[in-house]
Amino acid sequence: MARYVTGNLPAEVTSFVGRGSEVAAARKLLAGTRLLTLTGPGGVGKTRLARRVGEAVRRAFPDGVWLVEVAHVNDGALVALTVAQALGL
């Protein structure tokens, strides 16, 4: 029996309205990659979108879907380390 890891997606506590086209576009991109980065100015809903997409595709990723926050990383050289730490590597 396959073991399914849920990852680290936080639970949504409010409703998610609209942005169906963005969710569909991200799902399509994830069909061809294992890593997707959402970028944009603060406050536009990147984290909420990432959580929604993660929930939508989590069954396709037996090792889980992981959300890694990198907004606090001020040195680009530390992004890979931040991701590795979040994944427990």
PDB file of N, CA and C in Angstrom:
ATOM      1  N   MET A   1       0.843  -1.174   0.000  1.00  0.00           N
ATOM      2  CA  MET A   1       0.000   0.000   0.000  1.00  0.00           C
ATOM      3  C   MET A   1       0.891   1.242   0.000  1.00  0.00           C
ATOM      4  N   ALA A   2       0.594   2.194  -0.860  1.00  0.00           N
ATOM      5  CA  ALA A   2       1.368   3.424  -0.940  1.00  0.00           C
ATOM      6  C   ALA A   2       1.080   4.296   0.276  1.00  0.00           C
ATOM      7  N   ARG A   3       2.118   4.949   0.759  1.00  0.00           N
ATOM      8  CA  ARG A   3       1.967   5.861   1.886  1.00  0.00           C
ATOM      9  C   ARG A   3       1.840   7.273   1.335  1.00  0.00           C
ATOM     10  N   TYR A   4       0.790   7.961   1.691  1.00  0.00           N
ATOM     11  CA  TYR A   4       0.569   9.316   1.207  1.00  0.00           C
ATOM     12  C   TYR A   4       0.863  10.307   2.316  1.00  0.00           C
ATOM     13  N   VAL A   5       1.804  11.185   2.044  1.00  0.00           N
ATOM     14  CA  VAL A   5       2.171  12.240   2.975  1.00  0.00           C
ATOM     15  C   VAL A   5       1.386  13.477   2.573  1.00  0.00           C
ATOM     16  N   THR A   6       0.785  14.118   3.515  1.00  0.00           N
ATOM     17  CA  THR A   6      -0.051  15.260   3.181  1.00  0.00           C
ATOM     18  C   THR A   6       0.754  16.513   2.908  1.00  0.00           C
ATOM     19  N   GLY A   7       2.005  16.564   3.303  1.00  0.00           N
ATOM     20  CA  GLY A   7       2.785  17.777   3.127  1.00  0.00           C
ATOM     21  C   GLY A   7       2.569  18.703   4.299  1.00  0.00           C
ATOM     22  N   ASN A   8       2.659  19.995   4.024  1.00  0.00           N
ATOM     23  CA  ASN A   8       2.554  20.957   5.112  1.00  0.00           C
ATOM     24  C   ASN A   8       1.536  22.051   4.824  1.00  0.00           C
ATOM     25  N   LEU A   9       0.564  21.780   3.983  1.00  0.00           N
ATOM     26  CA  LEU A   9      -0.404  22.813   3.626  1.00  0.00           C
ATOM     27  C   LEU A   9      -1.268  23.186   4.830  1.00  0.00           C
ATOM     28  N   PRO A  10      -1.253  24.475   5.203  1.00  0.00           N
ATOM     29  CA  PRO A  10      -2.113  24.894   6.310  1.00  0.00           C
ATOM     30  C   PRO A  10      -3.580  24.848   5.894  1.00  0.00           C
ATOM     31  N   ALA A  11      -4.436  24.603   6.845  1.00  0.00           N
ATOM     32  CA  ALA A  11      -5.870  24.557   6.561  1.00  0.00           C
ATOM     33  C   ALA A  11      -6.384  25.954   6.236  1.00  0.00           C
ATOM     34  N   GLU A  12      -7.304  26.021   5.305  1.00  0.00           N
ATOM     35  CA  GLU A  12      -7.945  27.297   4.990  1.00  0.00           C
ATOM     36  C   GLU A  12      -9.051  27.533   6.000  1.00  0.00           C
ATOM     37  N   VAL A  13      -9.131  28.750   6.502  1.00  0.00           N
ATOM     38  CA  VAL A  13     -10.151  29.059   7.497  1.00  0.00           C
ATOM     39  C   VAL A  13     -11.221  30.006   6.944  1.00  0.00           C
ATOM     40  N   THR A  14     -11.026  30.473   5.723  1.00  0.00           N
ATOM     41  CA  THR A  14     -12.028  31.322   5.080  1.00  0.00           C
ATOM     42  C   THR A  14     -12.304  30.770   3.696  1.00  0.00           C
ATOM     43  N   SER A  15     -13.369  31.237   3.075  1.00  0.00           N
ATOM     44  CA  SER A  15     -13.732  30.736   1.751  1.00  0.00           C
ATOM     45  C   SER A  15     -12.805  31.299   0.680  1.00  0.00           C
ATOM     46  N   PHE A  16     -12.726  30.595  -0.412  1.00  0.00           N
ATOM     47  CA  PHE A  16     -11.884  30.973  -1.547  1.00  0.00           C
ATOM     48  C   PHE A  16     -12.819  31.226  -2.720  1.00  0.00           C
ATOM     49  N   VAL A  17     -12.877  32.449  -3.178  1.00  0.00           N
ATOM     50  CA  VAL A  17     -13.827  32.818  -4.226  1.00  0.00           C
ATOM     51  C   VAL A  17     -13.076  33.251  -5.468  1.00  0.00           C
ATOM     52  N   GLY A  18     -13.488  32.714  -6.607  1.00  0.00           N
ATOM     53  CA  GLY A  18     -12.909  33.131  -7.876  1.00  0.00           C
ATOM     54  C   GLY A  18     -11.519  32.577  -8.114  1.00  0.00           C
ATOM     55  N   ARG A  19     -10.826  33.169  -9.059  1.00  0.00           N
ATOM     56  CA  ARG A  19      -9.469  32.800  -9.448  1.00  0.00           C
ATOM     57  C   ARG A  19      -9.374  31.395 -10.016  1.00  0.00           C
ATOM     58  N   GLY A  20     -10.495  30.914 -10.546  1.00  0.00           N
ATOM     59  CA  GLY A  20     -10.502  29.581 -11.147  1.00  0.00           C
ATOM     60  C   GLY A  20      -9.542  29.461 -12.312  1.00  0.00           C
ATOM     61  N   SER A  21      -9.379  30.534 -13.080  1.00  0.00           N
ATOM     62  CA  SER A  21      -8.460  30.469 -14.219  1.00  0.00           C
ATOM     63  C   SER A  21      -7.017  30.358 -13.755  1.00  0.00           C
ATOM     64  N   GLU A  22      -6.674  31.030 -12.650  1.00  0.00           N
ATOM     65  CA  GLU A  22      -5.313  30.922 -12.120  1.00  0.00           C
ATOM     66  C   GLU A  22      -5.049  29.531 -11.561  1.00  0.00           C
ATOM     67  N   VAL A  23      -6.032  28.959 -10.885  1.00  0.00           N
ATOM     68  CA  VAL A  23      -5.883  27.594 -10.366  1.00  0.00           C
ATOM     69  C   VAL A  23      -5.695  26.625 -11.526  1.00  0.00           C
ATOM     70  N   ALA A  24      -6.498  26.772 -12.572  1.00  0.00           N
ATOM     71  CA  ALA A  24      -6.391  25.886 -13.741  1.00  0.00           C
ATOM     72  C   ALA A  24      -5.034  26.034 -14.416  1.00  0.00           C
ATOM     73  N   ALA A  25      -4.544  27.262 -14.539  1.00  0.00           N
ATOM     74  CA  ALA A  25      -3.241  27.489 -15.178  1.00  0.00           C
ATOM     75  C   ALA A  25      -2.119  26.855 -14.364  1.00  0.00           C
ATOM     76  N   ALA A  26      -2.177  27.000 -13.046  1.00  0.00           N
ATOM     77  CA  ALA A  26      -1.147  26.412 -12.192  1.00  0.00           C
ATOM     78  C   ALA A  26      -1.194  24.885 -12.254  1.00  0.00           C
ATOM     79  N   ARG A  27      -2.402  24.330 -12.262  1.00  0.00           N
ATOM     80  CA  ARG A  27      -2.531  22.871 -12.357  1.00  0.00           C
ATOM     81  C   ARG A  27      -1.930  22.373 -13.668  1.00  0.00           C
ATOM     82  N   LYS A  28      -2.161  23.100 -14.737  1.00  0.00           N
ATOM     83  CA  LYS A  28      -1.610  22.716 -16.037  1.00  0.00           C
ATOM     84  C   LYS A  28      -0.077  22.767 -16.005  1.00  0.00           C
ATOM     85  N   LEU A  29       0.473  23.815 -15.393  1.00  0.00           N
ATOM     86  CA  LEU A  29       1.927  23.915 -15.275  1.00  0.00           C
ATOM     87  C   LEU A  29       2.502  22.776 -14.441  1.00  0.00           C
ATOM     88  N   LEU A  30       1.811  22.390 -13.386  1.00  0.00           N
ATOM     89  CA  LEU A  30       2.297  21.318 -12.521  1.00  0.00           C
ATOM     90  C   LEU A  30       2.251  19.951 -13.189  1.00  0.00           C
ATOM     91  N   ALA A  31       1.530  19.840 -14.274  1.00  0.00           N
ATOM     92  CA  ALA A  31       1.520  18.571 -15.004  1.00  0.00           C
ATOM     93  C   ALA A  31       2.881  18.280 -15.620  1.00  0.00           C
ATOM     94  N   GLY A  32       3.697  19.329 -15.799  1.00  0.00           N
ATOM     95  CA  GLY A  32       5.002  19.147 -16.433  1.00  0.00           C
ATOM     96  C   GLY A  32       6.181  19.470 -15.546  1.00  0.00           C
ATOM     97  N   THR A  33       5.942  19.717 -14.255  1.00  0.00           N
ATOM     98  CA  THR A  33       7.038  20.061 -13.352  1.00  0.00           C
ATOM     99  C   THR A  33       6.678  19.639 -11.937  1.00  0.00           C
ATOM    100  N   ARG A  34       7.675  19.582 -11.076  1.00  0.00           N
ATOM    101  CA  ARG A  34       7.415  19.251  -9.670  1.00  0.00           C
ATOM    102  C   ARG A  34       7.542  20.464  -8.773  1.00  0.00           C
ATOM    103  N   LEU A  35       7.974  21.581  -9.330  1.00  0.00           N
ATOM    104  CA  LEU A  35       8.176  22.796  -8.547  1.00  0.00           C
ATOM    105  C   LEU A  35       7.537  23.958  -9.276  1.00  0.00           C
ATOM    106  N   LEU A  36       6.723  24.702  -8.568  1.00  0.00           N
ATOM    107  CA  LEU A  36       6.065  25.864  -9.150  1.00  0.00           C
ATOM    108  C   LEU A  36       6.241  27.031  -8.191  1.00  0.00           C
ATOM    109  N   THR A  37       6.706  28.154  -8.703  1.00  0.00           N
ATOM    110  CA  THR A  37       6.901  29.347  -7.900  1.00  0.00           C
ATOM    111  C   THR A  37       5.900  30.398  -8.328  1.00  0.00           C
ATOM    112  N   LEU A  38       5.164  30.934  -7.364  1.00  0.00           N
ATOM    113  CA  LEU A  38       4.225  32.019  -7.636  1.00  0.00           C
ATOM    114  C   LEU A  38       4.885  33.317  -7.188  1.00  0.00           C
ATOM    115  N   THR A  39       4.922  34.299  -8.068  1.00  0.00           N
ATOM    116  CA  THR A  39       5.538  35.579  -7.730  1.00  0.00           C
ATOM    117  C   THR A  39       4.553  36.712  -7.971  1.00  0.00           C
ATOM    118  N   GLY A  40       4.796  37.813  -7.320  1.00  0.00           N
ATOM    119  CA  GLY A  40       3.957  38.995  -7.487  1.00  0.00           C
ATOM    120  C   GLY A  40       4.069  39.875  -6.265  1.00  0.00           C
ATOM    121  N   PRO A  41       3.473  41.052  -6.340  1.00  0.00           N
ATOM    122  CA  PRO A  41       3.544  41.976  -5.206  1.00  0.00           C
ATOM    123  C   PRO A  41       2.798  41.433  -3.993  1.00  0.00           C
ATOM    124  N   GLY A  42       3.192  41.910  -2.829  1.00  0.00           N
ATOM    125  CA  GLY A  42       2.560  41.488  -1.591  1.00  0.00           C
ATOM    126  C   GLY A  42       1.075  41.820  -1.569  1.00  0.00           C
ATOM    127  N   GLY A  43       0.306  40.916  -1.008  1.00  0.00           N
ATOM    128  CA  GLY A  43      -1.101  41.170  -0.806  1.00  0.00           C
ATOM    129  C   GLY A  43      -2.033  40.775  -1.932  1.00  0.00           C
ATOM    130  N   VAL A  44      -1.502  40.156  -2.996  1.00  0.00           N
ATOM    131  CA  VAL A  44      -2.370  39.794  -4.124  1.00  0.00           C
ATOM    132  C   VAL A  44      -2.950  38.387  -3.999  1.00  0.00           C
ATOM    133  N   GLY A  45      -2.547  37.641  -2.972  1.00  0.00           N
ATOM    134  CA  GLY A  45      -3.134  36.331  -2.735  1.00  0.00           C
ATOM    135  C   GLY A  45      -2.327  35.149  -3.226  1.00  0.00           C
ATOM    136  N   LYS A  46      -1.019  35.301  -3.339  1.00  0.00           N
ATOM    137  CA  LYS A  46      -0.175  34.203  -3.816  1.00  0.00           C
ATOM    138  C   LYS A  46      -0.245  32.993  -2.882  1.00  0.00           C
ATOM    139  N   THR A  47      -0.192  33.230  -1.593  1.00  0.00           N
ATOM    140  CA  THR A  47      -0.211  32.124  -0.637  1.00  0.00           C
ATOM    141  C   THR A  47      -1.543  31.398  -0.684  1.00  0.00           C
ATOM    142  N   ARG A  48      -2.626  32.137  -0.725  1.00  0.00           N
ATOM    143  CA  ARG A  48      -3.958  31.498  -0.803  1.00  0.00           C
ATOM    144  C   ARG A  48      -4.093  30.698  -2.089  1.00  0.00           C
ATOM    145  N   LEU A  49      -3.596  31.245  -3.187  1.00  0.00           N
ATOM    146  CA  LEU A  49      -3.646  30.538  -4.459  1.00  0.00           C
ATOM    147  C   LEU A  49      -2.801  29.265  -4.382  1.00  0.00           C
ATOM    148  N   ALA A  50      -1.610  29.366  -3.801  1.00  0.00           N
ATOM    149  CA  ALA A  50      -0.739  28.202  -3.675  1.00  0.00           C
ATOM    150  C   ALA A  50      -1.400  27.104  -2.851  1.00  0.00           C
ATOM    151  N   ARG A  51      -2.047  27.482  -1.755  1.00  0.00           N
ATOM    152  CA  ARG A  51      -2.741  26.493  -0.930  1.00  0.00           C
ATOM    153  C   ARG A  51      -3.862  25.817  -1.709  1.00  0.00           C
ATOM    154  N   ARG A  52      -4.621  26.597  -2.451  1.00  0.00           N
ATOM    155  CA  ARG A  52      -5.743  26.037  -3.216  1.00  0.00           C
ATOM    156  C   ARG A  52      -5.236  25.081  -4.290  1.00  0.00           C
ATOM    157  N   VAL A  53      -4.195  25.488  -4.999  1.00  0.00           N
ATOM    158  CA  VAL A  53      -3.627  24.626  -6.044  1.00  0.00           C
ATOM    159  C   VAL A  53      -3.051  23.360  -5.412  1.00  0.00           C
ATOM    160  N   GLY A  54      -2.354  23.504  -4.306  1.00  0.00           N
ATOM    161  CA  GLY A  54      -1.793  22.346  -3.614  1.00  0.00           C
ATOM    162  C   GLY A  54      -2.851  21.338  -3.224  1.00  0.00           C
ATOM    163  N   GLU A  55      -3.950  21.837  -2.700  1.00  0.00           N
ATOM    164  CA  GLU A  55      -5.061  20.948  -2.351  1.00  0.00           C
ATOM    165  C   GLU A  55      -5.617  20.243  -3.581  1.00  0.00           C
ATOM    166  N   ALA A  56      -5.690  20.970  -4.690  1.00  0.00           N
ATOM    167  CA  ALA A  56      -6.273  20.417  -5.915  1.00  0.00           C
ATOM    168  C   ALA A  56      -5.411  19.319  -6.529  1.00  0.00           C
ATOM    169  N   VAL A  57      -4.093  19.385  -6.324  1.00  0.00           N
ATOM    170  CA  VAL A  57      -3.199  18.430  -6.988  1.00  0.00           C
ATOM    171  C   VAL A  57      -2.552  17.429  -6.035  1.00  0.00           C
ATOM    172  N   ARG A  58      -2.836  17.508  -4.766  1.00  0.00           N
ATOM    173  CA  ARG A  58      -2.097  16.709  -3.791  1.00  0.00           C
ATOM    174  C   ARG A  58      -2.155  15.208  -4.045  1.00  0.00           C
ATOM    175  N   ARG A  59      -3.220  14.699  -4.613  1.00  0.00           N
ATOM    176  CA  ARG A  59      -3.311  13.253  -4.870  1.00  0.00           C
ATOM    177  C   ARG A  59      -2.329  12.800  -5.944  1.00  0.00           C
ATOM    178  N   ALA A  60      -1.881  13.720  -6.787  1.00  0.00           N
ATOM    179  CA  ALA A  60      -0.930  13.373  -7.843  1.00  0.00           C
ATOM    180  C   ALA A  60       0.508  13.312  -7.331  1.00  0.00           C
ATOM    181  N   PHE A  61       0.718  13.708  -6.073  1.00  0.00           N
ATOM    182  CA  PHE A  61       2.062  13.756  -5.512  1.00  0.00           C
ATOM    183  C   PHE A  61       2.108  12.903  -4.243  1.00  0.00           C
ATOM    184  N   PRO A  62       2.468  11.622  -4.376  1.00  0.00           N
ATOM    185  CA  PRO A  62       2.447  10.714  -3.227  1.00  0.00           C
ATOM    186  C   PRO A  62       3.359  11.155  -2.080  1.00  0.00           C
ATOM    187  N   ASP A  63       4.382  11.944  -2.357  1.00  0.00           N
ATOM    188  CA  ASP A  63       5.279  12.417  -1.300  1.00  0.00           C
ATOM    189  C   ASP A  63       4.769  13.681  -0.636  1.00  0.00           C
ATOM    190  N   GLY A  64       3.622  14.167  -1.062  1.00  0.00           N
ATOM    191  CA  GLY A  64       3.027  15.332  -0.441  1.00  0.00           C
ATOM    192  C   GLY A  64       3.225  16.610  -1.236  1.00  0.00           C
ATOM    193  N   VAL A  65       2.497  17.611  -0.823  1.00  0.00           N
ATOM    194  CA  VAL A  65       2.581  18.948  -1.412  1.00  0.00           C
ATOM    195  C   VAL A  65       3.049  19.871  -0.306  1.00  0.00           C
ATOM    196  N   TRP A  66       4.102  20.630  -0.592  1.00  0.00           N
ATOM    197  CA  TRP A  66       4.739  21.457   0.429  1.00  0.00           C
ATOM    198  C   TRP A  66       4.707  22.922   0.026  1.00  0.00           C
ATOM    199  N   LEU A  67       4.354  23.753   0.963  1.00  0.00           N
ATOM    200  CA  LEU A  67       4.377  25.200   0.787  1.00  0.00           C
ATOM    201  C   LEU A  67       5.597  25.723   1.524  1.00  0.00           C
ATOM    202  N   VAL A  68       6.476  26.409   0.802  1.00  0.00           N
ATOM    203  CA  VAL A  68       7.684  26.961   1.423  1.00  0.00           C
ATOM    204  C   VAL A  68       7.640  28.477   1.276  1.00  0.00           C
ATOM    205  N   GLU A  69       7.539  29.154   2.383  1.00  0.00           N
ATOM    206  CA  GLU A  69       7.526  30.617   2.384  1.00  0.00           C
ATOM    207  C   GLU A  69       8.972  31.115   2.288  1.00  0.00           C
ATOM    208  N   VAL A  70       9.245  31.965   1.325  1.00  0.00           N
ATOM    209  CA  VAL A  70      10.597  32.507   1.171  1.00  0.00           C
ATOM    210  C   VAL A  70      10.627  34.035   1.254  1.00  0.00           C
ATOM    211  N   ALA A  71       9.506  34.640   1.601  1.00  0.00           N
ATOM    212  CA  ALA A  71       9.455  36.101   1.675  1.00  0.00           C
ATOM    213  C   ALA A  71      10.460  36.658   2.681  1.00  0.00           C
ATOM    214  N   HIS A  72      10.742  35.911   3.723  1.00  0.00           N
ATOM    215  CA  HIS A  72      11.654  36.380   4.763  1.00  0.00           C
ATOM    216  C   HIS A  72      13.126  36.190   4.400  1.00  0.00           C
ATOM    217  N   VAL A  73      13.414  35.508   3.302  1.00  0.00           N
ATOM    218  CA  VAL A  73      14.793  35.233   2.906  1.00  0.00           C
ATOM    219  C   VAL A  73      15.336  36.451   2.155  1.00  0.00           C
ATOM    220  N   ASN A  74      16.338  37.093   2.733  1.00  0.00           N
ATOM    221  CA  ASN A  74      16.895  38.312   2.145  1.00  0.00           C
ATOM    222  C   ASN A  74      18.090  38.055   1.241  1.00  0.00           C
ATOM    223  N   ASP A  75      18.628  36.861   1.268  1.00  0.00           N
ATOM    224  CA  ASP A  75      19.797  36.507   0.469  1.00  0.00           C
ATOM    225  C   ASP A  75      19.404  35.379  -0.477  1.00  0.00           C
ATOM    226  N   GLY A  76      19.470  35.644  -1.777  1.00  0.00           N
ATOM    227  CA  GLY A  76      19.092  34.643  -2.773  1.00  0.00           C
ATOM    228  C   GLY A  76      19.851  33.338  -2.639  1.00  0.00           C
ATOM    229  N   ALA A  77      21.054  33.408  -2.111  1.00  0.00           N
ATOM    230  CA  ALA A  77      21.860  32.201  -1.933  1.00  0.00           C
ATOM    231  C   ALA A  77      21.272  31.276  -0.869  1.00  0.00           C
ATOM    232  N   LEU A  78      20.358  31.796  -0.048  1.00  0.00           N
ATOM    233  CA  LEU A  78      19.777  30.992   1.027  1.00  0.00           C
ATOM    234  C   LEU A  78      18.425  30.376   0.665  1.00  0.00           C
ATOM    235  N   VAL A  79      17.937  30.636  -0.532  1.00  0.00           N
ATOM    236  CA  VAL A  79      16.634  30.090  -0.932  1.00  0.00           C
ATOM    237  C   VAL A  79      16.667  28.569  -0.951  1.00  0.00           C
ATOM    238  N   ALA A  80      17.687  27.988  -1.574  1.00  0.00           N
ATOM    239  CA  ALA A  80      17.773  26.520  -1.640  1.00  0.00           C
ATOM    240  C   ALA A  80      17.853  25.909  -0.247  1.00  0.00           C
ATOM    241  N   LEU A  81      18.613  26.525   0.642  1.00  0.00           N
ATOM    242  CA  LEU A  81      18.712  26.028   2.023  1.00  0.00           C
ATOM    243  C   LEU A  81      17.357  26.113   2.720  1.00  0.00           C
ATOM    244  N   THR A  82      16.643  27.203   2.510  1.00  0.00           N
ATOM    245  CA  THR A  82      15.325  27.378   3.121  1.00  0.00           C
ATOM    246  C   THR A  82      14.368  26.289   2.645  1.00  0.00           C
ATOM    247  N   VAL A  83      14.394  26.004   1.348  1.00  0.00           N
ATOM    248  CA  VAL A  83      13.527  24.956   0.794  1.00  0.00           C
ATOM    249  C   VAL A  83      13.928  23.598   1.368  1.00  0.00           C
ATOM    250  N   ALA A  84      15.222  23.314   1.410  1.00  0.00           N
ATOM    251  CA  ALA A  84      15.692  22.036   1.942  1.00  0.00           C
ATOM    252  C   ALA A  84      15.286  21.855   3.399  1.00  0.00           C
ATOM    253  N   GLN A  85      15.393  22.914   4.194  1.00  0.00           N
ATOM    254  CA  GLN A  85      15.003  22.822   5.599  1.00  0.00           C
ATOM    255  C   GLN A  85      13.500  22.573   5.727  1.00  0.00           C
ATOM    256  N   ALA A  86      12.703  23.254   4.922  1.00  0.00           N
ATOM    257  CA  ALA A  86      11.253  23.072   4.988  1.00  0.00           C
ATOM    258  C   ALA A  86      10.857  21.646   4.631  1.00  0.00           C
ATOM    259  N   LEU A  87      11.621  21.013   3.743  1.00  0.00           N
ATOM    260  CA  LEU A  87      11.330  19.650   3.325  1.00  0.00           C
ATOM    261  C   LEU A  87      11.982  18.602   4.228  1.00  0.00           C
ATOM    262  N   GLY A  88      12.727  19.070   5.234  1.00  0.00           N
ATOM    263  CA  GLY A  88      13.378  18.146   6.162  1.00  0.00           C
ATOM    264  C   GLY A  88      14.553  17.424   5.568  1.00  0.00           C
ATOM    265  N   LEU A  89      15.228  18.044   4.621  1.00  0.00           N
ATOM    266  CA  LEU A  89      16.398  17.418   3.974  1.00  0.00           C
ATOM    267  C   LEU A  89      17.689  17.819   4.655  1.00  0.00           C
TER     268      LEU A  89
END
